[in-house]
Protein backbone atom coordinates (compact mmCIF):
# COMPACT_ATOMS: atom_id res chain seq x y z
CA MET A 1 -0.06 -0.05 -0.02
CA ASN A 2 1.40 3.41 -0.98
CA THR A 3 1.13 6.08 1.60
CA ASP A 4 2.82 8.98 0.00
CA LYS A 5 1.20 12.20 0.75
CA PHE A 6 0.84 15.09 -1.74
CA ILE A 7 -0.03 18.76 -1.48
CA VAL A 8 -1.35 21.03 -4.15
CA ILE A 9 1.01 23.73 -5.75
CA ALA A 10 -0.82 25.96 -8.06
CA TRP A 11 0.44 28.42 -10.70
CA PRO A 12 2.43 30.59 -10.41
CA GLU A 13 4.16 28.88 -7.46
CA SER A 14 4.33 25.62 -9.44
CA GLN A 15 6.76 27.19 -11.90
CA ALA A 16 9.47 27.59 -9.23
CA PHE A 17 9.54 23.77 -8.95
CA MET A 18 9.31 22.79 -12.62
CA GLU A 19 12.93 23.17 -13.42
CA VAL A 20 14.11 21.29 -10.31
CA ASP A 21 15.46 17.71 -10.86
CA GLY A 22 13.00 15.11 -9.90
CA PHE A 23 9.90 17.35 -10.33
CA SER A 24 8.34 15.15 -12.97
CA GLU A 25 8.91 12.01 -11.00
CA ASN A 26 7.36 13.54 -7.84
CA SER A 27 4.38 15.53 -9.26
CA ILE A 28 1.14 14.92 -11.03
CA LEU A 29 -0.44 17.57 -13.09
CA ILE A 30 -4.11 18.25 -12.12
CA ASN A 31 -6.23 17.96 -15.22
CA ASP A 32 -9.56 16.56 -14.02
CA GLU A 33 -12.60 17.94 -12.59
CA PRO A 34 -13.43 19.16 -9.92
CA LEU A 35 -9.91 19.85 -8.96
CA ILE A 36 -8.98 21.84 -12.10
CA ASN A 37 -11.79 24.15 -11.35
CA GLU A 38 -10.68 24.57 -7.88
CA TYR A 39 -6.88 25.01 -8.48
CA GLY A 40 -6.68 26.10 -12.07
CA SER A 41 -4.45 24.84 -14.92
CA SER A 42 -0.76 24.36 -14.15
CA ALA A 43 -1.51 23.04 -10.72
CA TYR A 44 0.34 20.00 -9.50
CA LEU A 45 0.09 17.33 -6.75
CA VAL A 46 3.61 17.38 -5.36
CA ARG A 47 5.00 14.57 -3.11
CA ILE A 48 5.71 16.03 0.29
CA SER A 49 8.65 13.65 0.93
CA TRP A 50 10.38 15.07 -2.14
CA LEU A 51 9.76 18.61 -1.04
CA ASP A 52 11.26 17.57 2.40
CA ARG A 53 14.36 16.19 0.62
CA LEU A 54 14.86 19.42 -1.44
CA HIS A 55 14.51 21.43 1.63
CA GLU A 56 17.08 19.28 3.48
CA GLU A 57 19.48 19.42 0.54
CA LYS A 58 19.07 23.13 0.35
CA GLU A 59 19.98 23.51 4.03
CA GLU A 60 23.13 21.34 3.44
CA ASP A 61 24.13 23.51 0.43
CA HIS A 62 24.45 26.65 2.41
CA TYR A 63 27.09 27.90 4.85
CA PRO A 64 25.87 28.80 8.38
CA ASP A 65 25.86 32.47 7.28
CA GLY A 66 23.37 31.66 4.49
CA ASN A 67 25.70 31.86 1.49
CA ILE A 68 25.26 29.20 -1.00
CA LYS A 69 28.26 26.70 -1.27
CA PRO A 70 30.02 26.55 -4.57
CA ASN A 71 28.74 24.00 -7.16
CA THR A 72 25.32 23.70 -5.67
CA GLU A 73 22.04 24.66 -7.07
CA ASP A 74 19.48 26.69 -5.10
CA PHE A 75 15.80 25.89 -6.07
CA GLY A 76 14.97 29.48 -5.27
CA ASP A 77 13.84 31.66 -2.49
CA LYS A 78 10.24 31.69 -3.76
CA ALA A 79 10.17 27.92 -3.75
CA ASP A 80 11.61 27.74 -0.30
CA ARG A 81 9.12 30.12 1.13
CA LEU A 82 6.31 28.13 -0.56
CA TYR A 83 7.84 24.98 1.07
CA GLU A 84 7.86 26.44 4.52
CA GLN A 85 4.21 27.79 4.11
CA LYS A 86 2.79 24.58 2.93
CA ARG A 87 4.58 22.51 5.72
CA ASP A 88 3.31 24.99 8.32
CA ASN A 89 -0.40 24.55 7.07
CA GLN A 90 -0.24 20.82 7.02
């Protein structure tokens, strides 16, 4: 039995995640009624465990002063704020 949990991330916030490695494997485009009416086009169900891993990796990629370590990719301040907001509202 699959117990993965998902959250809805709607446009324009979903755009911040679309370029991140693993997005397509950890998200499902909402394209059926009634969810498309509620959340609009370009809204996705995104696996929470993947968002958690992204957040952990982001924390590891930063020095204690907040600067990004060399050769790491930040998935964006907007995406990070969205992650925090979604986790707080769970």
